[in-house]
Amino acid sequence: MIEVLQKGNKILEETSIEISLKDISSSRIKNIISQMKDVLKNTEDAIALSSPQIGESLRIFVISKKIFGKEGGEDLIFINPQIIKTSKEKQWLEEGCLSVRGV
């Protein structure tokens, strides 16, 4: 299984690259998504992963179907996501990022 990069790795600090429409269906992007889904499937406490966490500075993240707490279904795949609105409300939660284990 591919390694999840940890805090301090320069790739995690870079601005990720947008994927062009023509490249979305390429074998490279399909392979990256497949690797991400594999990490999520095989890491018990993993519920989401971004492509920079596996060394690919691209705008992709995947949310595991495990988050929904039921069998079946599909992982959710996001390509070139944009934050268009944020809440003014804040809530403190335990950190769950796979790239900052133990924090």
C-alpha atoms as a PDB file:
ATOM      1  CA  MET A   1       0.000   0.000   0.000  1.00  0.00           C
ATOM      2  CA  ILE A   2       1.161   3.514  -0.770  1.00  0.00           C
ATOM      3  CA  GLU A   3       2.590   5.623   2.081  1.00  0.00           C
ATOM      4  CA  VAL A   4       0.657   8.578   3.518  1.00  0.00           C
ATOM      5  CA  LEU A   5       2.981  11.584   3.772  1.00  0.00           C
ATOM      6  CA  GLN A   6       3.385  13.188   7.192  1.00  0.00           C
ATOM      7  CA  LYS A   7       3.516  16.791   8.414  1.00  0.00           C
ATOM      8  CA  GLY A   8       6.701  18.496   7.319  1.00  0.00           C
ATOM      9  CA  ASN A   9       6.695  17.046   3.805  1.00  0.00           C
ATOM     10  CA  LYS A  10       6.940  19.934   1.303  1.00  0.00           C
ATOM     11  CA  ILE A  11       4.221  18.525  -0.974  1.00  0.00           C
ATOM     12  CA  LEU A  12       1.686  18.998   1.824  1.00  0.00           C
ATOM     13  CA  GLU A  13       2.542  22.718   1.954  1.00  0.00           C
ATOM     14  CA  GLU A  14       2.245  23.400  -1.802  1.00  0.00           C
ATOM     15  CA  THR A  15      -0.799  24.790  -3.573  1.00  0.00           C
ATOM     16  CA  SER A  16      -2.268  21.860  -5.492  1.00  0.00           C
ATOM     17  CA  ILE A  17      -2.664  21.964  -9.258  1.00  0.00           C
ATOM     18  CA  GLU A  18      -6.093  22.070 -10.898  1.00  0.00           C
ATOM     19  CA  ILE A  19      -6.819  19.141 -13.203  1.00  0.00           C
ATOM     20  CA  SER A  20      -7.890  20.027 -16.739  1.00  0.00           C
ATOM     21  CA  LEU A  21     -11.180  18.622 -18.022  1.00  0.00           C
ATOM     22  CA  LYS A  22      -9.385  16.562 -20.660  1.00  0.00           C
ATOM     23  CA  ASP A  23      -7.175  14.917 -18.013  1.00  0.00           C
ATOM     24  CA  ILE A  24      -9.932  13.950 -15.559  1.00  0.00           C
ATOM     25  CA  SER A  25     -10.599  10.638 -17.324  1.00  0.00           C
ATOM     26  CA  SER A  26      -6.912   9.849 -17.960  1.00  0.00           C
ATOM     27  CA  SER A  27      -5.347   6.631 -16.736  1.00  0.00           C
ATOM     28  CA  ARG A  28      -3.012   8.669 -14.474  1.00  0.00           C
ATOM     29  CA  ILE A  29      -5.904  10.317 -12.615  1.00  0.00           C
ATOM     30  CA  LYS A  30      -7.831   7.035 -12.443  1.00  0.00           C
ATOM     31  CA  ASN A  31      -4.744   5.363 -10.952  1.00  0.00           C
ATOM     32  CA  ILE A  32      -4.283   8.110  -8.340  1.00  0.00           C
ATOM     33  CA  ILE A  33      -7.945   7.810  -7.305  1.00  0.00           C
ATOM     34  CA  SER A  34      -7.619   4.027  -7.142  1.00  0.00           C
ATOM     35  CA  GLN A  35      -4.578   4.338  -4.853  1.00  0.00           C
ATOM     36  CA  MET A  36      -6.438   6.791  -2.623  1.00  0.00           C
ATOM     37  CA  LYS A  37      -9.449   4.485  -2.356  1.00  0.00           C
ATOM     38  CA  ASP A  38      -7.085   1.615  -1.490  1.00  0.00           C
ATOM     39  CA  VAL A  39      -5.558   3.617   1.380  1.00  0.00           C
ATOM     40  CA  LEU A  40      -9.030   4.467   2.698  1.00  0.00           C
ATOM     41  CA  LYS A  41     -10.215   0.873   2.426  1.00  0.00           C
ATOM     42  CA  ASN A  42      -7.157  -0.576   4.143  1.00  0.00           C
ATOM     43  CA  THR A  43      -6.684   1.995   6.919  1.00  0.00           C
ATOM     44  CA  GLU A  44      -9.195   1.327   9.670  1.00  0.00           C
ATOM     45  CA  ASP A  45      -9.572   4.894  10.929  1.00  0.00           C
ATOM     46  CA  ALA A  46      -9.340   6.621   7.526  1.00  0.00           C
ATOM     47  CA  ILE A  47     -12.431   8.449   6.318  1.00  0.00           C
ATOM     48  CA  ALA A  48     -10.983  10.961   3.839  1.00  0.00           C
ATOM     49  CA  LEU A  49      -7.769  11.535   1.916  1.00  0.00           C
ATOM     50  CA  SER A  50      -6.391  14.194  -0.424  1.00  0.00           C
ATOM     51  CA  SER A  51      -4.021  13.428  -3.271  1.00  0.00           C
ATOM     52  CA  PRO A  52      -1.147  15.520  -1.808  1.00  0.00           C
ATOM     53  CA  GLN A  53      -1.163  13.097   1.135  1.00  0.00           C
ATOM     54  CA  ILE A  54       0.023  10.380  -1.258  1.00  0.00           C
ATOM     55  CA  GLY A  55       2.544  12.626  -3.009  1.00  0.00           C
ATOM     56  CA  GLU A  56       0.391  13.969  -5.870  1.00  0.00           C
ATOM     57  CA  SER A  57      -0.008  17.748  -5.721  1.00  0.00           C
ATOM     58  CA  LEU A  58      -3.402  17.733  -7.456  1.00  0.00           C
ATOM     59  CA  ARG A  59      -6.845  18.983  -6.432  1.00  0.00           C
ATOM     60  CA  ILE A  60      -8.477  15.658  -5.584  1.00  0.00           C
ATOM     61  CA  PHE A  61      -9.931  14.294  -2.382  1.00  0.00           C
ATOM     62  CA  VAL A  62     -11.917  11.163  -1.610  1.00  0.00           C
ATOM     63  CA  ILE A  63     -14.366  10.561   1.240  1.00  0.00           C
ATOM     64  CA  SER A  64     -14.739   6.920   2.230  1.00  0.00           C
ATOM     65  CA  LYS A  65     -18.134   5.284   2.130  1.00  0.00           C
ATOM     66  CA  LYS A  66     -17.287   4.179   5.710  1.00  0.00           C
ATOM     67  CA  ILE A  67     -18.357   7.631   6.921  1.00  0.00           C
ATOM     68  CA  PHE A  68     -21.979   6.783   6.148  1.00  0.00           C
ATOM     69  CA  GLY A  69     -21.912   3.754   8.463  1.00  0.00           C
ATOM     70  CA  LYS A  70     -23.574   1.337   6.104  1.00  0.00           C
ATOM     71  CA  GLU A  71     -22.536  -1.423   3.759  1.00  0.00           C
ATOM     72  CA  GLY A  72     -22.507  -0.836   0.028  1.00  0.00           C
ATOM     73  CA  GLY A  73     -22.494   2.557  -1.577  1.00  0.00           C
ATOM     74  CA  GLU A  74     -19.584   4.326  -3.162  1.00  0.00           C
ATOM     75  CA  ASP A  75     -16.696   6.491  -2.032  1.00  0.00           C
ATOM     76  CA  LEU A  76     -17.236  10.167  -2.897  1.00  0.00           C
ATOM     77  CA  ILE A  77     -14.616  11.604  -5.258  1.00  0.00           C
ATOM     78  CA  PHE A  78     -14.040  15.355  -5.541  1.00  0.00           C
ATOM     79  CA  ILE A  79     -11.944  16.857  -8.339  1.00  0.00           C
ATOM     80  CA  ASN A  80     -11.037  20.568  -8.378  1.00  0.00           C
ATOM     81  CA  PRO A  81     -13.206  21.389  -5.334  1.00  0.00           C
ATOM     82  CA  GLN A  82     -13.742  25.008  -4.345  1.00  0.00           C
ATOM     83  CA  ILE A  83     -14.843  26.440  -1.007  1.00  0.00           C
ATOM     84  CA  ILE A  84     -17.616  28.866  -1.832  1.00  0.00           C
ATOM     85  CA  LYS A  85     -18.985  29.512   1.638  1.00  0.00           C
ATOM     86  CA  THR A  86     -17.843  28.948   5.211  1.00  0.00           C
ATOM     87  CA  SER A  87     -19.781  28.948   8.446  1.00  0.00           C
ATOM     88  CA  LYS A  88     -19.199  31.577  11.101  1.00  0.00           C
ATOM     89  CA  GLU A  89     -19.809  28.901  13.718  1.00  0.00           C
ATOM     90  CA  LYS A  90     -16.783  26.962  14.925  1.00  0.00           C
ATOM     91  CA  GLN A  91     -16.486  23.709  16.777  1.00  0.00           C
ATOM     92  CA  TRP A  92     -13.404  22.056  18.267  1.00  0.00           C
ATOM     93  CA  LEU A  93     -12.952  18.409  17.305  1.00  0.00           C
ATOM     94  CA  GLU A  94     -10.189  15.856  17.570  1.00  0.00           C
ATOM     95  CA  GLU A  95      -7.798  15.982  14.616  1.00  0.00           C
ATOM     96  CA  GLY A  96      -8.313  13.034  12.301  1.00  0.00           C
ATOM     97  CA  CYS A  97      -5.917  13.819   9.460  1.00  0.00           C
ATOM     98  CA  LEU A  98      -3.760  10.851   8.448  1.00  0.00           C
ATOM     99  CA  SER A  99      -0.832  13.222   7.829  1.00  0.00           C
ATOM    100  CA  VAL A 100      -0.646  14.388  11.445  1.00  0.00           C
ATOM    101  CA  ARG A 101      -0.978  11.131  13.307  1.00  0.00           C
ATOM    102  CA  GLY A 102      -0.968  11.546  17.060  1.00  0.00           C
ATOM    103  CA  VAL A 103      -1.823  15.275  17.056  1.00  0.00           C
END
